[in-house]
N, C-alpha and C. Protein backbone atom coordinates (compact mmCIF):
# COMPACT_ATOMS: atom_id res chain seq x y z
N MET A 1 -46.40 0.25 -23.16
CA MET A 1 -45.62 -0.82 -23.04
C MET A 1 -46.12 -1.57 -21.81
N ASP A 2 -46.04 -2.85 -21.84
CA ASP A 2 -46.58 -3.65 -20.79
C ASP A 2 -45.71 -3.38 -19.49
N GLU A 3 -46.31 -3.32 -18.30
CA GLU A 3 -45.81 -2.91 -16.96
C GLU A 3 -44.71 -4.00 -16.58
N ASN A 4 -45.01 -5.16 -16.88
CA ASN A 4 -44.06 -6.22 -16.42
C ASN A 4 -42.74 -6.09 -17.35
N ARG A 5 -43.06 -5.79 -18.66
CA ARG A 5 -41.85 -5.76 -19.47
C ARG A 5 -40.86 -4.56 -19.29
N LYS A 6 -41.51 -3.37 -19.02
CA LYS A 6 -40.85 -2.24 -18.65
C LYS A 6 -40.05 -2.51 -17.11
N LYS A 7 -40.62 -3.24 -16.42
CA LYS A 7 -40.13 -3.51 -14.94
C LYS A 7 -38.53 -4.32 -15.17
N ILE A 8 -38.77 -5.31 -16.06
CA ILE A 8 -37.63 -6.32 -16.38
C ILE A 8 -36.49 -5.44 -17.13
N ILE A 9 -36.84 -4.49 -18.10
CA ILE A 9 -35.89 -3.67 -18.75
C ILE A 9 -35.26 -2.85 -17.79
N ILE A 10 -35.99 -2.06 -17.02
CA ILE A 10 -35.37 -1.20 -15.99
C ILE A 10 -34.51 -1.83 -14.90
N GLN A 11 -34.83 -3.07 -14.44
CA GLN A 11 -33.98 -3.91 -13.80
C GLN A 11 -32.49 -4.25 -14.56
N GLU A 12 -32.76 -4.64 -15.75
CA GLU A 12 -31.64 -4.91 -16.43
C GLU A 12 -30.73 -3.58 -16.67
N ILE A 13 -31.19 -2.48 -16.90
CA ILE A 13 -30.51 -1.39 -17.17
C ILE A 13 -29.69 -0.95 -15.81
N LEU A 14 -30.55 -1.15 -14.67
CA LEU A 14 -29.75 -0.82 -13.50
C LEU A 14 -28.67 -1.68 -13.30
N TYR A 15 -28.91 -3.15 -13.59
CA TYR A 15 -27.74 -3.97 -13.51
C TYR A 15 -26.50 -3.64 -14.24
N TRP A 16 -26.81 -3.18 -15.54
CA TRP A 16 -25.76 -2.70 -16.37
C TRP A 16 -24.87 -1.64 -15.79
N LYS A 17 -25.89 -0.64 -15.14
CA LYS A 17 -25.28 0.44 -14.61
C LYS A 17 -24.52 0.26 -13.39
N ASN A 18 -24.89 -0.64 -12.46
CA ASN A 18 -24.08 -0.99 -11.19
C ASN A 18 -22.85 -2.08 -11.55
N SER A 19 -22.97 -2.76 -12.55
CA SER A 19 -21.67 -3.46 -12.97
C SER A 19 -20.92 -2.98 -14.07
N ARG A 20 -21.32 -1.64 -14.32
CA ARG A 20 -20.49 -0.83 -15.34
C ARG A 20 -20.24 -1.55 -16.68
N LEU A 21 -21.35 -2.21 -17.02
CA LEU A 21 -21.38 -2.75 -18.40
C LEU A 21 -21.48 -1.78 -19.44
N LEU A 22 -22.16 -0.84 -19.19
CA LEU A 22 -22.42 0.49 -20.04
C LEU A 22 -21.96 1.69 -19.18
N PRO A 23 -21.48 2.69 -19.95
CA PRO A 23 -21.27 3.95 -19.28
C PRO A 23 -22.38 4.50 -18.68
N GLU A 24 -22.13 5.19 -17.41
CA GLU A 24 -23.40 5.71 -16.55
C GLU A 24 -24.33 6.53 -17.35
N GLN A 25 -23.59 7.44 -18.32
CA GLN A 25 -24.51 8.38 -18.85
C GLN A 25 -25.42 7.51 -19.99
N TYR A 26 -25.05 6.54 -20.60
CA TYR A 26 -25.94 5.70 -21.45
C TYR A 26 -27.19 5.07 -20.54
N CYS A 27 -26.65 4.47 -19.36
CA CYS A 27 -27.74 4.01 -18.46
C CYS A 27 -28.62 5.03 -18.04
N ASP A 28 -28.23 6.21 -17.85
CA ASP A 28 -29.17 7.15 -17.18
C ASP A 28 -30.14 7.66 -18.52
N PHE A 29 -29.58 7.74 -19.61
CA PHE A 29 -30.46 7.87 -20.70
C PHE A 29 -31.45 6.95 -20.94
N LEU A 30 -31.12 5.68 -21.00
CA LEU A 30 -32.06 4.55 -21.14
C LEU A 30 -33.04 4.43 -19.92
N LEU A 31 -32.51 4.73 -18.80
CA LEU A 31 -33.65 4.85 -17.54
C LEU A 31 -34.44 5.80 -17.75
N ALA A 32 -34.17 7.07 -18.23
CA ALA A 32 -35.17 8.16 -18.38
C ALA A 32 -36.09 7.81 -19.55
N LEU A 33 -35.43 7.23 -20.71
CA LEU A 33 -36.43 6.74 -21.74
C LEU A 33 -37.33 5.60 -21.46
N TYR A 34 -36.98 4.64 -20.72
CA TYR A 34 -37.73 3.51 -20.27
C TYR A 34 -38.76 3.97 -19.07
N SER A 35 -38.25 4.76 -18.19
CA SER A 35 -39.24 5.13 -17.03
C SER A 35 -40.19 6.40 -17.49
N GLU A 36 -39.81 6.98 -18.70
CA GLU A 36 -40.76 7.89 -19.50
C GLU A 36 -40.57 9.13 -18.63
N GLY A 37 -39.25 9.46 -18.29
CA GLY A 37 -38.87 10.70 -17.68
C GLY A 37 -39.17 10.90 -16.08
N GLU A 38 -39.76 9.77 -15.71
CA GLU A 38 -40.19 9.84 -14.13
C GLU A 38 -38.91 9.24 -13.45
N GLU A 39 -38.74 9.46 -12.20
CA GLU A 39 -37.77 8.95 -11.27
C GLU A 39 -37.98 7.34 -11.09
N VAL A 40 -36.94 6.61 -11.10
CA VAL A 40 -37.07 5.20 -11.05
C VAL A 40 -37.56 4.77 -9.77
N PRO A 41 -38.67 4.08 -9.71
CA PRO A 41 -39.32 3.64 -8.31
C PRO A 41 -38.30 2.91 -7.63
N GLN A 42 -38.39 3.17 -6.18
CA GLN A 42 -37.43 2.24 -5.28
C GLN A 42 -37.49 0.89 -5.41
N GLN A 43 -38.58 0.32 -5.68
CA GLN A 43 -38.64 -1.16 -5.84
C GLN A 43 -37.88 -1.64 -7.05
N TYR A 44 -37.39 -0.84 -8.08
CA TYR A 44 -36.55 -1.27 -9.15
C TYR A 44 -35.15 -1.21 -8.84
N GLN A 45 -34.86 -0.27 -7.84
CA GLN A 45 -33.29 -0.09 -7.64
C GLN A 45 -32.76 -1.18 -6.75
N THR A 46 -31.79 -1.41 -7.08
CA THR A 46 -30.90 -2.44 -6.41
C THR A 46 -29.95 -1.75 -5.24
N LYS A 47 -30.01 -2.45 -4.17
CA LYS A 47 -29.01 -1.81 -3.07
C LYS A 47 -27.68 -2.85 -2.99
N SER A 48 -26.60 -2.12 -3.09
CA SER A 48 -25.38 -2.91 -2.94
C SER A 48 -24.93 -3.20 -1.51
N LYS A 49 -24.48 -4.61 -1.50
CA LYS A 49 -23.94 -4.83 -0.05
C LYS A 49 -22.49 -5.10 -0.08
N ARG A 50 -21.98 -3.78 -0.08
CA ARG A 50 -20.50 -3.70 0.14
C ARG A 50 -19.87 -3.20 1.28
N VAL A 51 -20.66 -3.10 2.38
CA VAL A 51 -20.33 -2.51 3.54
C VAL A 51 -19.25 -3.50 4.31
N ILE A 52 -19.40 -4.82 4.13
CA ILE A 52 -18.33 -5.58 5.16
C ILE A 52 -17.10 -5.63 4.61
N PRO A 53 -16.78 -5.76 3.09
CA PRO A 53 -15.37 -5.34 2.57
C PRO A 53 -14.84 -3.95 3.32
N TYR A 54 -15.37 -3.03 3.05
CA TYR A 54 -14.97 -1.94 3.43
C TYR A 54 -14.82 -1.66 4.90
N LEU A 55 -15.58 -2.30 5.62
CA LEU A 55 -15.43 -2.37 7.21
C LEU A 55 -14.01 -3.27 7.61
N ILE A 56 -13.69 -4.23 6.63
CA ILE A 56 -12.64 -5.03 6.93
C ILE A 56 -11.29 -4.29 6.61
N VAL A 57 -11.50 -3.37 5.46
CA VAL A 57 -10.33 -2.44 5.08
C VAL A 57 -10.09 -1.52 6.23
N ALA A 58 -11.19 -1.07 6.77
CA ALA A 58 -11.05 0.03 7.88
C ALA A 58 -10.37 -0.68 9.07
N PHE A 59 -10.85 -1.79 9.30
CA PHE A 59 -10.32 -2.62 10.51
C PHE A 59 -8.77 -2.84 10.44
N ILE A 60 -8.48 -3.16 9.17
CA ILE A 60 -6.93 -3.57 8.91
C ILE A 60 -6.16 -1.98 9.20
N PHE A 61 -6.73 -1.03 8.55
CA PHE A 61 -5.83 0.07 8.67
C PHE A 61 -5.76 0.64 10.20
N LEU A 62 -7.02 0.72 10.86
CA LEU A 62 -7.18 1.22 12.17
C LEU A 62 -6.19 0.36 13.22
N LEU A 63 -6.25 -0.93 12.82
CA LEU A 63 -5.46 -1.87 13.83
C LEU A 63 -3.97 -1.54 13.77
N THR A 64 -3.63 -1.51 12.34
CA THR A 64 -2.22 -1.23 12.04
C THR A 64 -1.73 -0.02 12.83
N LEU A 65 -2.56 1.11 12.69
CA LEU A 65 -2.04 2.37 13.29
C LEU A 65 -2.02 2.13 14.77
N PHE A 66 -3.19 1.38 15.36
CA PHE A 66 -3.13 1.43 16.75
C PHE A 66 -1.87 0.73 17.30
N LEU A 67 -1.66 -0.54 16.64
CA LEU A 67 -0.61 -1.46 17.14
C LEU A 67 0.83 -0.97 16.98
N ASN A 68 0.87 0.10 15.80
CA ASN A 68 2.28 0.49 15.51
C ASN A 68 2.58 1.99 16.33
N HIS A 69 1.39 2.52 16.64
CA HIS A 69 1.66 3.93 17.44
C HIS A 69 1.25 3.75 18.83
N PHE A 70 0.66 3.00 19.27
CA PHE A 70 0.13 3.06 20.57
C PHE A 70 0.49 1.93 21.42
N THR A 71 1.28 1.06 21.01
CA THR A 71 1.78 -0.02 21.77
C THR A 71 3.45 -0.13 21.49
N GLN A 72 3.90 -0.91 22.42
CA GLN A 72 5.65 -1.00 22.55
C GLN A 72 6.06 -2.25 21.59
N LEU A 73 5.66 -2.45 20.58
CA LEU A 73 5.81 -3.68 19.76
C LEU A 73 7.43 -3.43 19.19
N PRO A 74 8.19 -4.52 19.11
CA PRO A 74 9.57 -4.31 18.48
C PRO A 74 9.63 -3.80 17.18
N PHE A 75 10.62 -3.27 16.84
CA PHE A 75 10.76 -2.64 15.41
C PHE A 75 10.51 -3.51 14.34
N GLY A 76 11.03 -4.63 14.42
CA GLY A 76 10.93 -5.65 13.37
C GLY A 76 9.44 -6.11 13.06
N MET A 77 8.60 -6.32 14.36
CA MET A 77 7.23 -6.83 14.33
C MET A 77 6.56 -5.47 13.68
N GLN A 78 6.72 -4.21 14.15
CA GLN A 78 5.99 -3.16 13.71
C GLN A 78 5.99 -3.16 11.99
N ILE A 79 7.44 -3.13 11.55
CA ILE A 79 7.57 -2.89 10.01
C ILE A 79 6.96 -4.17 9.41
N GLY A 80 7.02 -5.42 9.92
CA GLY A 80 6.35 -6.64 9.37
C GLY A 80 4.89 -6.55 9.36
N LEU A 81 4.30 -5.82 10.41
CA LEU A 81 2.89 -5.82 10.38
C LEU A 81 2.36 -4.63 9.40
N SER A 82 3.28 -3.77 9.34
CA SER A 82 3.07 -2.72 8.13
C SER A 82 2.90 -3.10 6.89
N ILE A 83 3.85 -4.05 6.58
CA ILE A 83 4.14 -4.70 5.23
C ILE A 83 3.04 -5.52 4.83
N PHE A 84 2.60 -6.31 6.12
CA PHE A 84 1.40 -7.18 5.76
C PHE A 84 0.23 -6.56 5.34
N SER A 85 0.02 -5.40 6.22
CA SER A 85 -1.24 -4.48 6.18
C SER A 85 -1.22 -3.78 4.73
N ILE A 86 -0.01 -3.24 4.27
CA ILE A 86 -0.03 -2.59 3.04
C ILE A 86 -0.30 -3.74 1.96
N MET A 87 0.14 -4.71 2.11
CA MET A 87 -0.04 -5.70 1.09
C MET A 87 -1.48 -6.10 0.99
N ALA A 88 -2.15 -6.24 2.10
CA ALA A 88 -3.50 -6.64 2.11
C ALA A 88 -4.48 -5.53 1.65
N LEU A 89 -4.03 -4.26 1.86
CA LEU A 89 -4.77 -3.06 1.45
C LEU A 89 -4.70 -2.84 -0.11
N VAL A 90 -3.42 -3.31 -0.56
CA VAL A 90 -3.22 -3.34 -1.90
C VAL A 90 -4.08 -4.42 -2.77
N TYR A 91 -4.01 -5.64 -2.19
CA TYR A 91 -4.83 -6.72 -2.66
C TYR A 91 -6.15 -6.36 -2.68
N ALA A 92 -6.77 -5.70 -1.47
CA ALA A 92 -8.03 -5.18 -1.36
C ALA A 92 -8.60 -4.35 -2.44
N ALA A 93 -7.59 -3.35 -2.90
CA ALA A 93 -7.82 -2.27 -3.92
C ALA A 93 -8.01 -3.16 -5.27
N PHE A 94 -6.99 -4.16 -5.59
CA PHE A 94 -7.17 -4.86 -6.51
C PHE A 94 -8.35 -5.76 -6.81
N PHE A 95 -8.91 -6.35 -5.69
CA PHE A 95 -10.01 -6.99 -5.51
C PHE A 95 -11.29 -6.40 -5.81
N PHE A 96 -11.21 -5.07 -5.16
CA PHE A 96 -12.49 -4.06 -5.53
C PHE A 96 -12.48 -3.56 -7.01
N SER A 97 -11.34 -3.44 -7.52
CA SER A 97 -11.26 -2.86 -9.00
C SER A 97 -11.83 -3.95 -9.93
N LYS A 98 -11.47 -5.36 -9.53
CA LYS A 98 -12.08 -6.49 -10.49
C LYS A 98 -13.50 -6.53 -10.46
N ARG A 99 -14.00 -6.07 -9.22
CA ARG A 99 -15.53 -6.14 -9.30
C ARG A 99 -16.02 -4.84 -9.57
N SER A 100 -15.35 -3.93 -9.78
CA SER A 100 -15.95 -2.66 -10.31
C SER A 100 -16.58 -1.94 -9.18
N TRP A 101 -15.87 -2.08 -7.99
CA TRP A 101 -16.27 -1.34 -6.79
C TRP A 101 -15.11 -0.10 -6.49
N PRO A 102 -15.54 0.90 -5.90
CA PRO A 102 -14.62 1.87 -5.55
C PRO A 102 -13.37 1.30 -4.98
N TYR A 103 -12.21 1.44 -5.68
CA TYR A 103 -10.92 1.05 -5.02
C TYR A 103 -10.19 2.05 -4.20
N HIS A 104 -10.49 3.22 -4.38
CA HIS A 104 -9.87 4.40 -3.82
C HIS A 104 -9.43 4.31 -2.35
N ILE A 105 -10.43 3.99 -1.48
CA ILE A 105 -10.35 3.91 -0.06
C ILE A 105 -9.13 2.93 0.41
N PRO A 106 -9.08 1.65 -0.14
CA PRO A 106 -7.86 0.79 0.24
C PRO A 106 -6.71 1.29 -0.16
N LEU A 107 -6.70 1.81 -1.44
CA LEU A 107 -5.39 2.47 -2.02
C LEU A 107 -4.80 3.58 -1.15
N ILE A 108 -5.70 4.42 -0.84
CA ILE A 108 -5.31 5.52 0.08
C ILE A 108 -4.77 5.12 1.37
N GLY A 109 -5.41 4.14 1.93
CA GLY A 109 -4.94 3.54 3.35
C GLY A 109 -3.44 2.86 3.04
N ALA A 110 -3.34 2.20 2.11
CA ALA A 110 -2.13 1.70 1.73
C ALA A 110 -0.91 2.52 1.52
N ALA A 111 -1.28 3.63 0.72
CA ALA A 111 -0.41 4.85 0.64
C ALA A 111 -0.08 5.33 1.95
N PHE A 112 -0.92 5.80 2.69
CA PHE A 112 -0.75 6.29 3.98
C PHE A 112 0.02 5.33 4.90
N LEU A 113 -0.15 4.33 4.98
CA LEU A 113 0.46 3.28 5.91
C LEU A 113 1.90 3.04 5.50
N PHE A 114 2.21 2.95 4.16
CA PHE A 114 3.52 2.93 3.48
C PHE A 114 4.26 4.12 3.96
N LEU A 115 3.68 5.30 3.68
CA LEU A 115 4.37 6.53 4.32
C LEU A 115 4.84 6.62 5.66
N LEU A 116 3.88 6.22 6.54
CA LEU A 116 4.19 6.15 7.91
C LEU A 116 5.29 5.09 8.26
N ALA A 117 5.22 4.03 7.69
CA ALA A 117 6.16 2.94 7.78
C ALA A 117 7.55 3.24 7.26
N THR A 118 7.55 3.96 6.19
CA THR A 118 8.78 4.42 5.70
C THR A 118 9.48 5.63 6.69
N VAL A 119 8.66 6.36 7.12
CA VAL A 119 9.26 7.68 8.00
C VAL A 119 9.69 6.85 9.29
N PHE A 120 8.77 6.09 9.91
CA PHE A 120 9.24 5.21 11.24
C PHE A 120 10.50 4.44 10.98
N ALA A 121 10.61 3.76 9.80
CA ALA A 121 11.82 3.02 9.51
C ALA A 121 13.06 3.81 9.37
N ILE A 122 12.99 5.12 8.78
CA ILE A 122 14.06 5.98 8.59
C ILE A 122 14.40 6.57 10.03
N GLU A 123 13.40 6.88 10.77
CA GLU A 123 13.72 7.41 12.16
C GLU A 123 14.67 6.27 12.92
N GLN A 124 14.46 5.07 12.80
CA GLN A 124 15.07 3.82 13.39
C GLN A 124 16.38 3.86 12.88
N LEU A 125 16.47 3.56 11.51
CA LEU A 125 17.58 3.29 10.87
C LEU A 125 18.83 4.44 10.76
N ALA A 126 18.23 5.65 10.52
CA ALA A 126 19.16 6.65 10.10
C ALA A 126 18.69 7.81 11.01
N PRO A 127 18.73 7.78 12.40
CA PRO A 127 18.37 8.97 12.89
C PRO A 127 19.10 10.13 12.75
N ASP A 128 18.65 11.32 12.85
CA ASP A 128 19.28 12.49 12.71
C ASP A 128 19.94 12.65 11.27
N ARG A 129 19.43 12.02 10.24
CA ARG A 129 19.84 11.95 8.97
C ARG A 129 18.58 12.55 7.95
N ILE A 130 18.37 13.80 8.26
CA ILE A 130 17.04 14.35 7.47
C ILE A 130 17.10 14.24 6.06
N GLY A 131 18.31 14.47 5.44
CA GLY A 131 18.66 14.34 3.98
C GLY A 131 18.00 12.87 3.49
N VAL A 132 18.23 11.84 4.16
CA VAL A 132 17.83 10.34 3.90
C VAL A 132 16.25 10.67 4.14
N LEU A 133 15.58 11.03 4.83
CA LEU A 133 14.15 11.18 5.05
C LEU A 133 13.49 11.98 3.98
N TYR A 134 14.26 13.03 3.66
CA TYR A 134 13.63 13.78 2.43
C TYR A 134 13.86 13.24 1.21
N PHE A 135 14.79 12.41 1.01
CA PHE A 135 14.95 11.41 -0.27
C PHE A 135 13.86 10.58 -0.57
N PHE A 136 13.55 9.89 0.67
CA PHE A 136 12.63 8.81 0.65
C PHE A 136 11.13 9.41 0.53
N LEU A 137 10.88 10.65 1.10
CA LEU A 137 9.56 11.34 0.96
C LEU A 137 9.49 11.73 -0.46
N LEU A 138 10.46 12.28 -1.23
CA LEU A 138 10.40 12.73 -2.46
C LEU A 138 10.11 11.29 -3.43
N CYS A 139 10.53 10.14 -3.13
CA CYS A 139 10.27 8.84 -3.78
C CYS A 139 8.76 8.67 -3.54
N HIS A 140 8.38 8.79 -2.27
CA HIS A 140 6.77 8.65 -2.10
C HIS A 140 5.98 9.53 -3.10
N CYS A 141 6.51 10.82 -3.20
CA CYS A 141 5.73 11.68 -3.74
C CYS A 141 5.69 11.49 -5.31
N GLY A 142 7.00 10.82 -5.68
CA GLY A 142 6.85 10.48 -7.04
C GLY A 142 6.15 9.29 -7.38
N ILE A 143 6.14 8.25 -6.46
CA ILE A 143 5.06 7.24 -6.60
C ILE A 143 3.52 7.71 -6.74
N TRP A 144 3.22 8.52 -5.72
CA TRP A 144 1.80 9.16 -5.90
C TRP A 144 1.48 9.82 -7.25
N VAL A 145 2.48 10.67 -7.70
CA VAL A 145 2.21 11.24 -9.11
C VAL A 145 1.98 10.15 -10.20
N TYR A 146 2.88 9.10 -10.07
CA TYR A 146 2.78 8.09 -11.10
C TYR A 146 1.40 7.44 -10.91
N THR A 147 1.11 6.97 -9.53
CA THR A 147 -0.10 6.25 -9.44
C THR A 147 -1.24 7.12 -9.87
N GLY A 148 -1.25 8.56 -9.52
CA GLY A 148 -2.29 9.30 -9.94
C GLY A 148 -2.57 9.45 -11.44
N LYS A 149 -1.45 9.58 -12.18
CA LYS A 149 -1.45 9.69 -13.66
C LYS A 149 -1.94 8.30 -14.12
N ARG A 150 -1.15 7.10 -13.77
CA ARG A 150 -1.68 5.71 -14.32
C ARG A 150 -3.28 5.42 -13.98
N LEU A 151 -3.71 5.70 -12.79
CA LEU A 151 -5.13 5.33 -12.61
C LEU A 151 -6.03 6.45 -12.65
N SER A 152 -5.64 7.68 -13.13
CA SER A 152 -6.47 8.66 -13.36
C SER A 152 -7.24 9.21 -12.00
N MET A 153 -6.40 9.33 -10.95
CA MET A 153 -6.77 9.69 -9.67
C MET A 153 -6.08 11.13 -9.50
N VAL A 154 -6.70 12.18 -9.81
CA VAL A 154 -6.20 13.30 -9.88
C VAL A 154 -5.65 13.84 -8.32
N TYR A 155 -6.27 13.36 -7.24
CA TYR A 155 -6.17 13.69 -5.88
C TYR A 155 -4.58 13.13 -5.57
N PHE A 156 -4.36 11.85 -6.02
CA PHE A 156 -3.07 11.41 -5.80
C PHE A 156 -2.00 12.22 -6.50
N SER A 157 -2.16 12.70 -7.79
CA SER A 157 -1.20 13.57 -8.50
C SER A 157 -1.11 14.89 -7.77
N VAL A 158 -2.09 15.33 -7.41
CA VAL A 158 -2.04 16.76 -6.69
C VAL A 158 -1.21 16.69 -5.41
N ALA A 159 -1.52 15.47 -4.63
CA ALA A 159 -0.87 15.13 -3.29
C ALA A 159 0.62 15.04 -3.64
N GLY A 160 0.99 14.25 -4.71
CA GLY A 160 2.40 14.25 -4.97
C GLY A 160 3.15 15.44 -5.42
N TYR A 161 2.55 16.22 -6.24
CA TYR A 161 3.03 17.41 -6.69
C TYR A 161 3.21 18.61 -5.48
N LEU A 162 2.41 18.56 -4.62
CA LEU A 162 2.34 19.41 -3.57
C LEU A 162 3.47 19.04 -2.53
N GLY A 163 3.44 17.59 -2.38
CA GLY A 163 4.35 17.05 -1.41
C GLY A 163 5.99 17.22 -1.91
N ILE A 164 6.14 17.20 -3.33
CA ILE A 164 7.33 17.65 -3.90
C ILE A 164 7.75 19.08 -3.58
N VAL A 165 6.80 20.01 -3.94
CA VAL A 165 6.96 21.42 -3.71
C VAL A 165 7.32 21.57 -2.19
N VAL A 166 6.76 20.99 -1.23
CA VAL A 166 6.96 21.30 0.13
C VAL A 166 8.42 20.64 0.63
N ILE A 167 8.63 19.60 0.07
CA ILE A 167 10.07 18.82 0.50
C ILE A 167 10.97 19.64 -0.20
N LEU A 168 11.03 20.08 -1.35
CA LEU A 168 11.92 20.94 -2.07
C LEU A 168 12.32 22.39 -1.31
N TYR A 169 11.05 22.72 -0.85
CA TYR A 169 11.09 24.07 0.18
C TYR A 169 11.86 23.82 1.21
N PHE A 170 11.85 22.47 1.98
CA PHE A 170 12.57 22.35 3.12
C PHE A 170 13.92 22.00 2.92
N ILE A 171 14.11 21.33 1.72
CA ILE A 171 15.30 21.00 1.32
C ILE A 171 16.29 22.25 1.04
N ALA A 172 15.74 23.22 0.51
CA ALA A 172 16.34 24.53 0.27
C ALA A 172 16.67 25.14 1.54
N LYS A 173 15.64 25.22 2.42
CA LYS A 173 15.90 25.82 3.66
C LYS A 173 17.02 25.19 4.38
N LEU A 174 17.09 23.76 4.52
CA LEU A 174 18.03 22.94 5.30
C LEU A 174 19.50 23.44 4.69
N TYR A 175 19.72 23.59 3.33
CA TYR A 175 20.95 24.02 2.74
C TYR A 175 21.13 25.53 2.60
N ASN A 176 20.40 26.30 3.11
CA ASN A 176 20.36 27.76 3.06
C ASN A 176 20.52 28.31 1.62
N ILE A 177 19.66 27.72 0.89
CA ILE A 177 19.63 28.37 -0.57
C ILE A 177 18.79 29.54 -0.58
N PHE A 178 17.91 29.78 0.32
CA PHE A 178 17.05 31.01 0.21
C PHE A 178 17.78 32.00 1.17
């Protein structure tokens, strides 16, 4: 086969693989077929430029953590900042999924910030009411299990189930069931 034609076909297969137009196994098979079993040369491989969106996600996450936990902002401003950051991270996850980019990082960040904001709000609104905190933590774990099953993310489901077990243990300990 002509070298120029082979180069075009390999570049097209790599494009299909990167944009997930075909399953990865099919693309790997086609790459092995057209490269005749050799490794695909570096000149054919494309490098993705996704660093900046992930840096923005990390900046939003770290800025929210810093402003909420290391400064003396008023309660309403902290909750407002947390809600804005959670919405921005969920939007980033949606944006990444539409472009076939890994969307797990912004989703994990949003879940973590939502958990921290909930715990902080419960501490402020219902101090010394541990039952209310446990209830909302169980709700979070249920959301994690649902999200894990819905998006096929095993680690979300496992975290949700482990969280439920731990919270139920502490509820049983709180009410002297053991």
